[in-house]
N, C-alpha and C. Protein backbone atom coordinates (compact mmCIF):
# COMPACT_ATOMS: atom_id res chain seq x y z
N MET A 1 0.85 -1.19 0.00
CA MET A 1 0.00 0.00 0.00
C MET A 1 0.88 1.24 0.00
N THR A 2 0.60 2.17 -0.93
CA THR A 2 1.41 3.38 -1.02
C THR A 2 1.09 4.32 0.13
N PRO A 3 2.03 5.22 0.51
CA PRO A 3 1.76 6.19 1.59
C PRO A 3 0.55 7.04 1.31
N ARG A 4 0.37 7.47 0.03
CA ARG A 4 -0.79 8.30 -0.28
C ARG A 4 -2.09 7.55 -0.02
N ARG A 5 -2.13 6.29 -0.48
CA ARG A 5 -3.34 5.50 -0.29
C ARG A 5 -3.61 5.24 1.18
N ALA A 6 -2.55 5.00 1.96
CA ALA A 6 -2.73 4.79 3.41
C ALA A 6 -3.30 6.02 4.07
N ARG A 7 -2.78 7.21 3.68
CA ARG A 7 -3.32 8.46 4.26
C ARG A 7 -4.76 8.66 3.86
N LEU A 8 -5.10 8.32 2.59
CA LEU A 8 -6.46 8.49 2.11
C LEU A 8 -7.42 7.56 2.83
N TYR A 9 -6.98 6.30 3.07
CA TYR A 9 -7.80 5.36 3.82
C TYR A 9 -8.11 5.91 5.20
N ALA A 10 -7.06 6.45 5.87
CA ALA A 10 -7.25 6.96 7.22
C ALA A 10 -8.23 8.11 7.24
N SER A 11 -8.13 9.02 6.25
CA SER A 11 -9.05 10.16 6.22
C SER A 11 -10.46 9.73 5.92
N VAL A 12 -10.62 8.72 5.04
CA VAL A 12 -11.95 8.22 4.71
C VAL A 12 -12.63 7.61 5.93
N PHE A 13 -11.88 6.79 6.68
CA PHE A 13 -12.47 6.16 7.85
C PHE A 13 -12.82 7.19 8.91
N LEU A 14 -12.03 8.27 9.00
CA LEU A 14 -12.37 9.35 9.93
C LEU A 14 -13.65 10.03 9.51
N VAL A 15 -13.80 10.27 8.19
CA VAL A 15 -15.02 10.91 7.68
C VAL A 15 -16.23 10.03 7.94
N LEU A 16 -16.10 8.73 7.65
CA LEU A 16 -17.22 7.82 7.85
C LEU A 16 -17.58 7.72 9.33
N GLY A 17 -16.55 7.70 10.20
CA GLY A 17 -16.82 7.63 11.63
C GLY A 17 -17.54 8.85 12.12
N ALA A 18 -17.12 10.03 11.63
CA ALA A 18 -17.79 11.27 12.03
C ALA A 18 -19.23 11.29 11.54
N SER A 19 -19.44 10.77 10.33
CA SER A 19 -20.79 10.74 9.78
C SER A 19 -21.71 9.87 10.60
N VAL A 20 -21.20 8.69 11.02
CA VAL A 20 -22.01 7.79 11.86
C VAL A 20 -22.36 8.46 13.18
N ALA A 21 -21.36 9.11 13.79
CA ALA A 21 -21.60 9.79 15.07
C ALA A 21 -22.64 10.88 14.93
N ALA A 22 -22.56 11.63 13.81
CA ALA A 22 -23.52 12.71 13.60
C ALA A 22 -24.92 12.15 13.42
N ASN A 23 -25.04 11.03 12.70
CA ASN A 23 -26.36 10.42 12.50
C ASN A 23 -26.96 9.95 13.81
N VAL A 24 -26.10 9.40 14.70
CA VAL A 24 -26.60 8.94 15.99
C VAL A 24 -27.16 10.11 16.79
N LEU A 25 -26.43 11.23 16.78
CA LEU A 25 -26.89 12.40 17.52
C LEU A 25 -28.18 12.95 16.94
N LEU A 26 -28.26 12.98 15.60
CA LEU A 26 -29.44 13.52 14.95
C LEU A 26 -30.67 12.66 15.17
N LEU A 27 -30.47 11.38 15.42
CA LEU A 27 -31.59 10.47 15.61
C LEU A 27 -32.11 10.48 17.04
N GLN A 28 -31.44 11.21 17.95
CA GLN A 28 -31.92 11.29 19.33
C GLN A 28 -33.24 12.04 19.36
N PRO A 29 -34.26 11.52 20.04
CA PRO A 29 -35.56 12.20 20.07
C PRO A 29 -35.45 13.54 20.79
N ARG A 30 -36.15 14.57 20.26
CA ARG A 30 -36.19 15.86 20.92
C ARG A 30 -37.42 15.96 21.80
N PRO A 31 -37.42 16.84 22.79
CA PRO A 31 -38.57 16.97 23.67
C PRO A 31 -39.80 17.42 22.90
N VAL A 32 -40.96 17.03 23.39
CA VAL A 32 -42.22 17.45 22.80
C VAL A 32 -42.48 18.90 23.20
N GLN A 33 -42.71 19.78 22.21
CA GLN A 33 -42.97 21.18 22.47
C GLN A 33 -44.45 21.42 22.70
N ARG A 34 -44.76 22.60 23.28
CA ARG A 34 -46.15 22.96 23.54
C ARG A 34 -46.91 23.02 22.21
N GLY A 35 -48.06 22.40 22.16
CA GLY A 35 -48.87 22.39 20.95
C GLY A 35 -48.61 21.21 20.06
N GLU A 36 -47.60 20.39 20.42
CA GLU A 36 -47.30 19.20 19.62
C GLU A 36 -47.86 17.96 20.29
N ARG A 37 -48.11 16.95 19.44
CA ARG A 37 -48.47 15.64 19.96
C ARG A 37 -47.25 14.74 19.79
N PRO A 38 -47.05 13.79 20.69
CA PRO A 38 -45.88 12.90 20.57
C PRO A 38 -45.77 12.26 19.20
N GLY A 39 -46.91 11.92 18.61
CA GLY A 39 -46.88 11.28 17.28
C GLY A 39 -46.35 12.21 16.21
N ASP A 40 -46.60 13.55 16.37
CA ASP A 40 -46.10 14.50 15.39
C ASP A 40 -44.57 14.54 15.40
N VAL A 41 -43.99 14.51 16.59
CA VAL A 41 -42.53 14.55 16.72
C VAL A 41 -41.92 13.30 16.10
N ALA A 42 -42.54 12.16 16.35
CA ALA A 42 -42.01 10.90 15.82
C ALA A 42 -42.02 10.89 14.30
N ARG A 43 -43.06 11.56 13.72
CA ARG A 43 -43.15 11.58 12.26
C ARG A 43 -42.40 12.74 11.64
N GLY A 44 -41.83 13.62 12.49
CA GLY A 44 -41.09 14.76 11.97
C GLY A 44 -41.99 15.85 11.44
N GLU A 45 -43.26 15.94 11.92
CA GLU A 45 -44.19 16.93 11.42
C GLU A 45 -44.03 18.24 12.18
N THR A 46 -44.41 19.34 11.54
CA THR A 46 -44.35 20.65 12.15
C THR A 46 -45.72 21.01 12.69
N PRO A 47 -45.84 21.46 13.94
CA PRO A 47 -47.13 21.84 14.47
C PRO A 47 -47.75 22.98 13.67
N ALA A 48 -49.07 23.06 13.70
CA ALA A 48 -49.79 24.03 12.89
C ALA A 48 -49.43 25.46 13.23
N ASP A 49 -49.10 25.75 14.52
CA ASP A 49 -48.82 27.11 14.93
C ASP A 49 -47.33 27.44 14.91
N ALA A 50 -46.51 26.58 14.27
CA ALA A 50 -45.07 26.83 14.23
C ALA A 50 -44.76 27.98 13.30
N SER A 51 -43.75 28.74 13.62
CA SER A 51 -43.33 29.85 12.77
C SER A 51 -42.50 29.30 11.62
N PRO A 52 -42.34 30.09 10.51
CA PRO A 52 -41.56 29.58 9.37
C PRO A 52 -40.16 29.13 9.74
N GLY A 53 -39.53 29.80 10.71
CA GLY A 53 -38.18 29.42 11.09
C GLY A 53 -38.11 28.09 11.79
N GLN A 54 -39.27 27.59 12.28
CA GLN A 54 -39.30 26.31 12.97
C GLN A 54 -39.66 25.16 12.05
N ALA A 55 -39.93 25.46 10.80
CA ALA A 55 -40.37 24.41 9.87
C ALA A 55 -39.28 23.37 9.69
N THR A 56 -39.69 22.13 9.52
CA THR A 56 -38.73 21.05 9.32
C THR A 56 -38.13 21.17 7.93
N SER A 57 -36.98 20.54 7.73
CA SER A 57 -36.30 20.61 6.44
C SER A 57 -37.09 19.86 5.39
N ALA A 58 -36.84 20.20 4.12
CA ALA A 58 -37.54 19.56 3.02
C ALA A 58 -37.17 18.09 2.96
N PRO A 59 -38.11 17.22 2.53
CA PRO A 59 -37.80 15.79 2.46
C PRO A 59 -36.69 15.52 1.46
N LYS A 60 -35.84 14.56 1.78
CA LYS A 60 -34.73 14.20 0.90
C LYS A 60 -35.24 13.28 -0.20
N ALA A 61 -34.46 13.23 -1.29
CA ALA A 61 -34.81 12.33 -2.37
C ALA A 61 -34.81 10.89 -1.86
N LYS A 62 -35.69 10.07 -2.42
CA LYS A 62 -35.81 8.69 -1.96
C LYS A 62 -35.45 7.71 -3.05
N LEU A 63 -34.83 6.61 -2.65
CA LEU A 63 -34.53 5.51 -3.54
C LEU A 63 -35.32 4.29 -3.09
N ALA A 64 -35.15 3.21 -3.83
CA ALA A 64 -35.85 1.99 -3.46
C ALA A 64 -35.47 1.53 -2.07
N GLY A 65 -34.23 1.79 -1.67
CA GLY A 65 -33.75 1.34 -0.37
C GLY A 65 -33.98 2.31 0.76
N GLY A 66 -34.58 3.47 0.51
CA GLY A 66 -34.83 4.44 1.57
C GLY A 66 -34.33 5.81 1.20
N PRO A 67 -34.37 6.77 2.14
CA PRO A 67 -33.96 8.14 1.85
C PRO A 67 -32.47 8.25 1.59
N VAL A 68 -32.09 9.23 0.78
CA VAL A 68 -30.69 9.48 0.46
C VAL A 68 -30.09 10.37 1.53
N ALA A 69 -29.02 9.92 2.17
CA ALA A 69 -28.37 10.70 3.21
C ALA A 69 -27.49 11.78 2.58
N GLU A 70 -27.51 12.97 3.16
CA GLU A 70 -26.67 14.04 2.66
C GLU A 70 -25.23 13.79 3.09
N ALA A 71 -24.30 13.93 2.15
CA ALA A 71 -22.89 13.71 2.46
C ALA A 71 -22.27 15.00 2.97
N SER A 72 -21.29 14.86 3.82
CA SER A 72 -20.57 16.03 4.32
C SER A 72 -19.66 16.57 3.23
N ALA A 73 -19.20 17.82 3.44
CA ALA A 73 -18.29 18.43 2.46
C ALA A 73 -17.00 17.62 2.34
N ALA A 74 -16.55 17.05 3.46
CA ALA A 74 -15.32 16.23 3.43
C ALA A 74 -15.53 14.98 2.59
N THR A 75 -16.70 14.37 2.69
CA THR A 75 -17.00 13.17 1.90
C THR A 75 -17.07 13.52 0.42
N VAL A 76 -17.77 14.62 0.10
CA VAL A 76 -17.88 15.04 -1.30
C VAL A 76 -16.50 15.35 -1.87
N ARG A 77 -15.66 15.99 -1.09
CA ARG A 77 -14.31 16.32 -1.54
C ARG A 77 -13.52 15.04 -1.84
N ALA A 78 -13.63 14.05 -0.97
CA ALA A 78 -12.91 12.79 -1.17
C ALA A 78 -13.43 12.07 -2.41
N ILE A 79 -14.75 12.13 -2.63
CA ILE A 79 -15.34 11.50 -3.81
C ILE A 79 -14.86 12.20 -5.08
N GLN A 80 -14.84 13.52 -5.06
CA GLN A 80 -14.35 14.27 -6.23
C GLN A 80 -12.90 13.89 -6.53
N ARG A 81 -12.10 13.75 -5.48
CA ARG A 81 -10.69 13.40 -5.66
C ARG A 81 -10.56 12.01 -6.29
N GLU A 82 -11.34 11.06 -5.79
CA GLU A 82 -11.26 9.69 -6.32
C GLU A 82 -11.78 9.62 -7.75
N LEU A 83 -12.86 10.34 -8.05
CA LEU A 83 -13.41 10.34 -9.41
C LEU A 83 -12.43 11.00 -10.38
N LYS A 84 -11.71 11.98 -9.90
CA LYS A 84 -10.69 12.63 -10.74
C LYS A 84 -9.55 11.64 -11.04
N GLN A 85 -9.20 10.83 -10.04
CA GLN A 85 -8.13 9.86 -10.21
C GLN A 85 -8.45 8.84 -11.30
N VAL A 86 -9.73 8.50 -11.44
CA VAL A 86 -10.11 7.49 -12.45
C VAL A 86 -10.61 8.14 -13.74
N GLY A 87 -10.44 9.47 -13.86
CA GLY A 87 -10.74 10.16 -15.10
C GLY A 87 -12.21 10.45 -15.36
N LEU A 88 -13.05 10.41 -14.30
CA LEU A 88 -14.48 10.68 -14.48
C LEU A 88 -14.87 12.10 -14.08
N TYR A 89 -13.95 12.84 -13.52
CA TYR A 89 -14.26 14.19 -13.04
C TYR A 89 -13.07 15.10 -13.29
N ASP A 90 -13.36 16.31 -13.77
CA ASP A 90 -12.29 17.25 -14.07
C ASP A 90 -12.57 18.63 -13.48
N GLY A 91 -13.44 18.66 -12.47
CA GLY A 91 -13.79 19.93 -11.84
C GLY A 91 -12.98 20.18 -10.58
N PRO A 92 -13.35 21.22 -9.84
CA PRO A 92 -12.62 21.54 -8.61
C PRO A 92 -12.91 20.54 -7.50
N VAL A 93 -11.90 20.23 -6.71
CA VAL A 93 -12.07 19.36 -5.53
C VAL A 93 -12.33 20.29 -4.35
N ASP A 94 -13.60 20.69 -4.21
CA ASP A 94 -13.96 21.71 -3.23
C ASP A 94 -15.06 21.30 -2.26
N GLY A 95 -15.55 20.05 -2.38
CA GLY A 95 -16.59 19.58 -1.48
C GLY A 95 -17.98 20.07 -1.83
N VAL A 96 -18.12 20.74 -2.98
CA VAL A 96 -19.43 21.25 -3.41
C VAL A 96 -20.00 20.29 -4.46
N PRO A 97 -21.15 19.67 -4.20
CA PRO A 97 -21.74 18.73 -5.17
C PRO A 97 -22.42 19.45 -6.32
N ASN A 98 -21.62 19.92 -7.28
CA ASN A 98 -22.18 20.64 -8.43
C ASN A 98 -22.66 19.68 -9.50
N LEU A 99 -23.14 20.24 -10.61
CA LEU A 99 -23.67 19.40 -11.69
C LEU A 99 -22.62 18.44 -12.22
N SER A 100 -21.39 18.92 -12.35
CA SER A 100 -20.31 18.07 -12.85
C SER A 100 -20.05 16.90 -11.91
N THR A 101 -20.14 17.15 -10.60
CA THR A 101 -19.95 16.06 -9.62
C THR A 101 -21.05 15.03 -9.76
N HIS A 102 -22.30 15.49 -9.86
CA HIS A 102 -23.43 14.56 -10.01
C HIS A 102 -23.29 13.74 -11.29
N ALA A 103 -22.88 14.39 -12.38
CA ALA A 103 -22.72 13.68 -13.66
C ALA A 103 -21.59 12.65 -13.58
N ALA A 104 -20.51 13.00 -12.87
CA ALA A 104 -19.39 12.06 -12.71
C ALA A 104 -19.81 10.85 -11.88
N VAL A 105 -20.60 11.09 -10.84
CA VAL A 105 -21.12 9.98 -10.03
C VAL A 105 -22.00 9.08 -10.90
N MET A 106 -22.81 9.69 -11.75
CA MET A 106 -23.68 8.91 -12.65
C MET A 106 -22.85 8.03 -13.57
N ALA A 107 -21.74 8.57 -14.07
CA ALA A 107 -20.88 7.78 -14.96
C ALA A 107 -20.32 6.57 -14.23
N PHE A 108 -19.89 6.77 -12.98
CA PHE A 108 -19.38 5.65 -12.18
C PHE A 108 -20.48 4.62 -11.95
N GLU A 109 -21.66 5.08 -11.59
CA GLU A 109 -22.79 4.17 -11.35
C GLU A 109 -23.14 3.40 -12.62
N SER A 110 -23.14 4.10 -13.75
CA SER A 110 -23.46 3.45 -15.01
C SER A 110 -22.41 2.40 -15.36
N ASP A 111 -21.13 2.73 -15.17
CA ASP A 111 -20.05 1.79 -15.49
C ASP A 111 -20.10 0.54 -14.62
N HIS A 112 -20.73 0.65 -13.43
CA HIS A 112 -20.81 -0.49 -12.52
C HIS A 112 -22.23 -1.04 -12.43
N ASP A 113 -23.05 -0.68 -13.42
CA ASP A 113 -24.40 -1.24 -13.54
C ASP A 113 -25.23 -1.03 -12.27
N LEU A 114 -25.12 0.17 -11.71
CA LEU A 114 -25.87 0.52 -10.51
C LEU A 114 -27.03 1.44 -10.87
N GLN A 115 -27.99 1.55 -9.97
CA GLN A 115 -29.06 2.50 -10.17
C GLN A 115 -28.47 3.90 -10.21
N LEU A 116 -28.93 4.72 -11.16
CA LEU A 116 -28.36 6.05 -11.34
C LEU A 116 -29.00 7.05 -10.38
N THR A 117 -28.19 7.58 -9.48
CA THR A 117 -28.67 8.57 -8.51
C THR A 117 -27.92 9.90 -8.62
N GLY A 118 -26.64 9.83 -8.96
CA GLY A 118 -25.82 11.04 -8.99
C GLY A 118 -25.52 11.57 -7.61
N VAL A 119 -25.79 10.77 -6.58
CA VAL A 119 -25.65 11.22 -5.19
C VAL A 119 -24.27 10.87 -4.64
N PRO A 120 -23.48 11.86 -4.23
CA PRO A 120 -22.23 11.56 -3.53
C PRO A 120 -22.54 11.16 -2.09
N SER A 121 -22.17 9.97 -1.71
CA SER A 121 -22.55 9.46 -0.39
C SER A 121 -21.38 8.69 0.24
N ASP A 122 -21.53 8.37 1.52
CA ASP A 122 -20.52 7.58 2.21
C ASP A 122 -20.37 6.20 1.57
N ALA A 123 -21.51 5.62 1.16
CA ALA A 123 -21.47 4.30 0.53
C ALA A 123 -20.70 4.35 -0.79
N LEU A 124 -20.91 5.41 -1.56
CA LEU A 124 -20.19 5.56 -2.83
C LEU A 124 -18.70 5.72 -2.58
N LEU A 125 -18.34 6.50 -1.58
CA LEU A 125 -16.92 6.70 -1.26
C LEU A 125 -16.27 5.38 -0.88
N LYS A 126 -16.98 4.57 -0.13
CA LYS A 126 -16.44 3.26 0.25
C LYS A 126 -16.19 2.40 -0.98
N MET A 127 -17.12 2.45 -1.93
CA MET A 127 -16.95 1.68 -3.16
C MET A 127 -15.74 2.17 -3.95
N LEU A 128 -15.58 3.49 -4.01
CA LEU A 128 -14.46 4.06 -4.76
C LEU A 128 -13.11 3.69 -4.14
N ILE A 129 -13.04 3.73 -2.80
CA ILE A 129 -11.78 3.47 -2.11
C ILE A 129 -11.45 1.98 -2.08
N LEU A 130 -12.45 1.18 -1.72
CA LEU A 130 -12.19 -0.24 -1.51
C LEU A 130 -12.41 -1.09 -2.76
N GLY A 131 -12.98 -0.46 -3.80
CA GLY A 131 -13.19 -1.21 -5.04
C GLY A 131 -14.29 -2.24 -4.93
N THR A 132 -15.25 -2.03 -4.00
CA THR A 132 -16.36 -2.97 -3.87
C THR A 132 -17.45 -2.64 -4.86
N GLY A 133 -18.41 -3.52 -4.99
CA GLY A 133 -19.50 -3.31 -5.94
C GLY A 133 -19.43 -4.30 -7.08
N ARG A 134 -20.31 -4.12 -8.03
CA ARG A 134 -20.36 -5.04 -9.16
C ARG A 134 -19.23 -4.76 -10.14
N SER A 135 -18.98 -5.74 -10.97
CA SER A 135 -17.97 -5.56 -12.01
C SER A 135 -18.47 -4.55 -13.03
N PRO A 136 -17.54 -3.82 -13.68
CA PRO A 136 -17.97 -2.84 -14.68
C PRO A 136 -18.85 -3.47 -15.74
N ALA A 137 -19.89 -2.75 -16.12
CA ALA A 137 -20.83 -3.26 -17.12
C ALA A 137 -20.30 -2.98 -18.52
N THR A 138 -20.59 -3.87 -19.44
CA THR A 138 -20.17 -3.65 -20.82
C THR A 138 -21.23 -2.86 -21.57
N SER A 139 -22.48 -2.98 -21.18
CA SER A 139 -23.58 -2.24 -21.80
C SER A 139 -24.62 -1.97 -20.74
N SER A 140 -24.39 -0.91 -19.97
CA SER A 140 -25.23 -0.64 -18.80
C SER A 140 -26.67 -0.35 -19.17
N GLN A 141 -27.58 -0.95 -18.45
CA GLN A 141 -29.01 -0.66 -18.58
C GLN A 141 -29.52 -0.04 -17.28
N SER A 142 -28.65 0.66 -16.58
CA SER A 142 -29.01 1.29 -15.32
C SER A 142 -30.13 2.29 -15.54
N ARG A 143 -31.02 2.38 -14.55
CA ARG A 143 -32.16 3.28 -14.63
C ARG A 143 -31.99 4.43 -13.67
N VAL A 144 -32.55 5.58 -14.04
CA VAL A 144 -32.47 6.77 -13.21
C VAL A 144 -33.47 6.66 -12.07
N ALA A 145 -32.99 6.89 -10.85
CA ALA A 145 -33.86 6.88 -9.68
C ALA A 145 -34.62 8.19 -9.60
N LYS A 146 -35.92 8.10 -9.40
CA LYS A 146 -36.74 9.31 -9.36
C LYS A 146 -36.41 10.16 -8.14
N GLY A 147 -36.51 11.48 -8.32
CA GLY A 147 -36.29 12.41 -7.23
C GLY A 147 -34.85 12.56 -6.81
N THR A 148 -33.91 12.18 -7.67
CA THR A 148 -32.48 12.28 -7.35
C THR A 148 -31.82 13.27 -8.29
N PRO A 149 -30.59 13.70 -7.97
CA PRO A 149 -29.86 14.58 -8.88
C PRO A 149 -29.71 14.00 -10.28
N ALA A 150 -29.65 12.67 -10.39
CA ALA A 150 -29.51 12.03 -11.70
C ALA A 150 -30.67 12.40 -12.62
N GLU A 151 -31.86 12.51 -12.06
CA GLU A 151 -33.03 12.87 -12.86
C GLU A 151 -32.89 14.30 -13.39
N GLN A 152 -32.41 15.20 -12.55
CA GLN A 152 -32.23 16.59 -12.95
C GLN A 152 -31.14 16.72 -14.02
N VAL A 153 -30.02 16.02 -13.81
CA VAL A 153 -28.92 16.08 -14.78
C VAL A 153 -29.35 15.48 -16.11
N THR A 154 -30.07 14.37 -16.08
CA THR A 154 -30.53 13.73 -17.31
C THR A 154 -31.47 14.66 -18.07
N ARG A 155 -32.34 15.34 -17.36
CA ARG A 155 -33.26 16.28 -18.01
C ARG A 155 -32.47 17.41 -18.69
N LEU A 156 -31.44 17.91 -18.02
CA LEU A 156 -30.61 18.97 -18.62
C LEU A 156 -29.91 18.46 -19.87
N VAL A 157 -29.37 17.25 -19.80
CA VAL A 157 -28.71 16.65 -20.98
C VAL A 157 -29.70 16.53 -22.12
N GLN A 158 -30.92 16.10 -21.82
CA GLN A 158 -31.95 15.97 -22.86
C GLN A 158 -32.26 17.33 -23.50
N GLN A 159 -32.36 18.36 -22.67
CA GLN A 159 -32.63 19.70 -23.19
C GLN A 159 -31.51 20.18 -24.10
N LEU A 160 -30.27 19.94 -23.68
CA LEU A 160 -29.12 20.37 -24.49
C LEU A 160 -29.04 19.59 -25.80
N LEU A 161 -29.31 18.30 -25.75
CA LEU A 161 -29.30 17.49 -26.97
C LEU A 161 -30.40 17.95 -27.93
N ALA A 162 -31.59 18.20 -27.38
CA ALA A 162 -32.70 18.67 -28.22
C ALA A 162 -32.35 20.02 -28.83
N GLY A 163 -31.62 20.85 -28.08
CA GLY A 163 -31.20 22.15 -28.58
C GLY A 163 -30.24 22.04 -29.76
N ARG A 164 -29.58 20.91 -29.86
CA ARG A 164 -28.67 20.66 -30.99
C ARG A 164 -29.35 19.89 -32.11
N GLY A 165 -30.64 19.68 -31.99
CA GLY A 165 -31.38 19.01 -33.06
C GLY A 165 -31.50 17.51 -32.94
N HIS A 166 -31.05 16.94 -31.83
CA HIS A 166 -31.18 15.49 -31.65
C HIS A 166 -32.60 15.16 -31.19
N LYS A 167 -33.11 14.06 -31.69
CA LYS A 167 -34.49 13.68 -31.40
C LYS A 167 -34.59 13.04 -30.02
N ILE A 168 -35.35 13.68 -29.15
CA ILE A 168 -35.63 13.16 -27.81
C ILE A 168 -37.14 13.01 -27.67
N ALA A 169 -37.59 11.83 -27.32
CA ALA A 169 -39.03 11.59 -27.23
C ALA A 169 -39.69 12.48 -26.20
N ALA A 170 -39.06 12.64 -25.03
CA ALA A 170 -39.63 13.47 -23.96
C ALA A 170 -38.52 13.98 -23.06
N ILE A 171 -38.61 15.24 -22.66
CA ILE A 171 -37.66 15.81 -21.70
C ILE A 171 -38.19 15.46 -20.31
N ASP A 172 -37.89 14.25 -19.86
CA ASP A 172 -38.51 13.74 -18.65
C ASP A 172 -37.53 13.24 -17.60
N GLY A 173 -36.21 13.36 -17.86
CA GLY A 173 -35.24 12.90 -16.88
C GLY A 173 -35.04 11.40 -16.86
N ARG A 174 -35.63 10.70 -17.82
CA ARG A 174 -35.47 9.25 -17.88
C ARG A 174 -34.47 8.90 -18.98
N LEU A 175 -33.54 8.04 -18.65
CA LEU A 175 -32.48 7.68 -19.59
C LEU A 175 -32.90 6.45 -20.40
N GLU A 176 -33.85 6.67 -21.31
CA GLU A 176 -34.34 5.58 -22.15
C GLU A 176 -33.48 5.49 -23.41
N GLU A 177 -33.80 4.53 -24.26
CA GLU A 177 -32.95 4.24 -25.42
C GLU A 177 -32.86 5.43 -26.37
N ASP A 178 -33.94 6.22 -26.51
CA ASP A 178 -33.87 7.37 -27.42
C ASP A 178 -32.82 8.39 -26.94
N THR A 179 -32.75 8.58 -25.61
CA THR A 179 -31.75 9.51 -25.07
C THR A 179 -30.36 8.93 -25.20
N ARG A 180 -30.21 7.65 -24.93
CA ARG A 180 -28.91 7.00 -25.09
C ARG A 180 -28.43 7.08 -26.54
N ARG A 181 -29.38 6.90 -27.46
CA ARG A 181 -29.03 6.96 -28.89
C ARG A 181 -28.56 8.38 -29.26
N ALA A 182 -29.25 9.37 -28.72
CA ALA A 182 -28.88 10.77 -29.00
C ALA A 182 -27.51 11.09 -28.40
N ILE A 183 -27.25 10.55 -27.22
CA ILE A 183 -25.94 10.76 -26.58
C ILE A 183 -24.84 10.15 -27.45
N ARG A 184 -25.05 8.93 -27.91
CA ARG A 184 -24.05 8.27 -28.76
C ARG A 184 -23.83 9.04 -30.05
N ALA A 185 -24.90 9.57 -30.63
CA ALA A 185 -24.78 10.34 -31.87
C ALA A 185 -23.96 11.61 -31.63
N PHE A 186 -24.23 12.28 -30.52
CA PHE A 186 -23.48 13.50 -30.19
C PHE A 186 -22.01 13.17 -29.94
N GLU A 187 -21.77 12.08 -29.20
CA GLU A 187 -20.38 11.68 -28.92
C GLU A 187 -19.64 11.38 -30.22
N THR A 188 -20.31 10.73 -31.15
CA THR A 188 -19.69 10.42 -32.44
C THR A 188 -19.37 11.71 -33.20
N GLU A 189 -20.31 12.67 -33.17
CA GLU A 189 -20.08 13.97 -33.82
C GLU A 189 -18.84 14.65 -33.25
N GLN A 190 -18.66 14.54 -31.96
CA GLN A 190 -17.57 15.22 -31.27
C GLN A 190 -16.29 14.37 -31.20
N ARG A 191 -16.30 13.24 -31.92
CA ARG A 191 -15.15 12.33 -31.97
C ARG A 191 -14.80 11.78 -30.58
N LEU A 192 -15.85 11.49 -29.83
CA LEU A 192 -15.68 10.86 -28.53
C LEU A 192 -16.10 9.40 -28.64
N ALA A 193 -15.60 8.57 -27.75
CA ALA A 193 -16.01 7.16 -27.75
C ALA A 193 -17.49 7.09 -27.39
N PRO A 194 -18.33 6.50 -28.25
CA PRO A 194 -19.77 6.45 -27.98
C PRO A 194 -20.08 5.54 -26.80
N SER A 195 -20.65 6.11 -25.75
CA SER A 195 -20.95 5.34 -24.55
C SER A 195 -22.45 5.27 -24.27
N GLY A 196 -23.18 6.31 -24.65
CA GLY A 196 -24.61 6.33 -24.38
C GLY A 196 -24.95 6.59 -22.93
N ARG A 197 -23.99 7.04 -22.15
CA ARG A 197 -24.25 7.32 -20.74
C ARG A 197 -23.99 8.79 -20.43
N VAL A 198 -24.55 9.25 -19.32
CA VAL A 198 -24.32 10.61 -18.86
C VAL A 198 -23.01 10.65 -18.10
N SER A 199 -22.21 11.67 -18.36
CA SER A 199 -20.93 11.83 -17.67
C SER A 199 -20.62 13.30 -17.54
N ALA A 200 -19.63 13.62 -16.73
CA ALA A 200 -19.21 15.01 -16.57
C ALA A 200 -18.64 15.54 -17.88
N ALA A 201 -17.89 14.71 -18.60
CA ALA A 201 -17.31 15.14 -19.87
C ALA A 201 -18.39 15.44 -20.89
N LEU A 202 -19.42 14.58 -20.95
CA LEU A 202 -20.53 14.80 -21.88
C LEU A 202 -21.24 16.10 -21.56
N LEU A 203 -21.55 16.33 -20.28
CA LEU A 203 -22.27 17.53 -19.88
C LEU A 203 -21.47 18.79 -20.23
N ALA A 204 -20.17 18.77 -19.95
CA ALA A 204 -19.32 19.92 -20.24
C ALA A 204 -19.27 20.19 -21.75
N LYS A 205 -19.15 19.12 -22.54
CA LYS A 205 -19.07 19.27 -23.99
C LYS A 205 -20.38 19.81 -24.54
N LEU A 206 -21.49 19.32 -24.04
CA LEU A 206 -22.80 19.80 -24.49
C LEU A 206 -22.98 21.28 -24.16
N GLN A 207 -22.62 21.66 -22.95
CA GLN A 207 -22.78 23.05 -22.54
C GLN A 207 -21.92 23.98 -23.39
N ARG A 208 -20.69 23.54 -23.69
CA ARG A 208 -19.80 24.38 -24.50
C ARG A 208 -20.32 24.52 -25.93
N THR A 209 -20.74 23.41 -26.53
CA THR A 209 -21.15 23.45 -27.93
C THR A 209 -22.49 24.17 -28.11
N VAL A 210 -23.41 23.98 -27.18
CA VAL A 210 -24.70 24.66 -27.29
C VAL A 210 -24.50 26.16 -27.10
N THR A 211 -23.68 26.56 -26.14
CA THR A 211 -23.42 27.98 -25.91
C THR A 211 -22.74 28.58 -27.15
N ALA A 212 -21.77 27.87 -27.72
CA ALA A 212 -21.07 28.36 -28.90
C ALA A 212 -22.05 28.52 -30.07
N GLY A 213 -22.98 27.57 -30.20
CA GLY A 213 -23.97 27.64 -31.28
C GLY A 213 -24.91 28.81 -31.10
N GLN A 214 -25.30 29.11 -29.86
CA GLN A 214 -26.18 30.23 -29.59
C GLN A 214 -25.48 31.55 -29.91
N ILE A 215 -24.19 31.62 -29.57
CA ILE A 215 -23.42 32.84 -29.84
C ILE A 215 -23.29 33.04 -31.35
N ALA A 216 -23.02 31.95 -32.07
CA ALA A 216 -22.88 32.04 -33.53
C ALA A 216 -24.18 32.47 -34.18
N ALA A 217 -25.31 32.06 -33.56
CA ALA A 217 -26.62 32.40 -34.13
C ALA A 217 -27.08 33.80 -33.69
N GLY A 218 -26.27 34.45 -32.86
CA GLY A 218 -26.59 35.79 -32.40
C GLY A 218 -27.68 35.84 -31.35
N ARG A 219 -27.83 34.76 -30.57
CA ARG A 219 -28.88 34.73 -29.53
C ARG A 219 -28.38 35.39 -28.26
C-alpha cells in the first residue's frame, strides 16, 4: 500500500466515523414542544402554529432502499478526488456537489451497472476506495432513480441534446434508449467514444457546444 493510499484510507475512515456519530446524535428524540403531539414529533411533522423558522427541512430524495443521506463536504471532496483519479471528473475538488460532480457519479454508477442517482454518499466513497460493488458493465441498462440529482442532470442533458437538433421523445429525466441513442450520436459527432451514458465530460461538452452555437446564431 502506497503512503498516499494509506493516508487516504485513514481520512476516509475518519469521515465515515464522524458521519455515523452525527447520524446517531441527529436520531436522538427531541422533547415534545407545547402544541405538539408525541406522534407529530415521531413523524417529523411541524405543528400548525409553528413559525416559518421552525419548519422542518424539506424531504430528501428517496430511492428503493430508503432516503438518500446528505454527504458532508469532506466526503464530497474525497469522492471528487477519487473520481478525478479514475478520469471521471475534471472539476474543482472543493466539497461542493455541483452538476459536474453529479454527472461524474452517474458515470461511475453506469459503469458499474448501478441505479443512477448522482448522489455523492458515504457508501459511494467506500466503493471508490475499496473497489467494492459489481464488475464494470459492458452495456449498462441502469435506470435513473426518481427524485435524485440524476433525474435533474438527465433532463438537462436531454434539453441540451434537443437544442442541438437530436431527437428526444420526452424531456422527462429518464435515460431511455432514445436519449442514449442521441448521446451516442453526439459523442460520435464530437469524436468521442460512444458510450450512451451521462458523464461530466458529456455535460461539459454539451454546454460548450450549445453555448457556442447560440453565440454564432446571435442569440
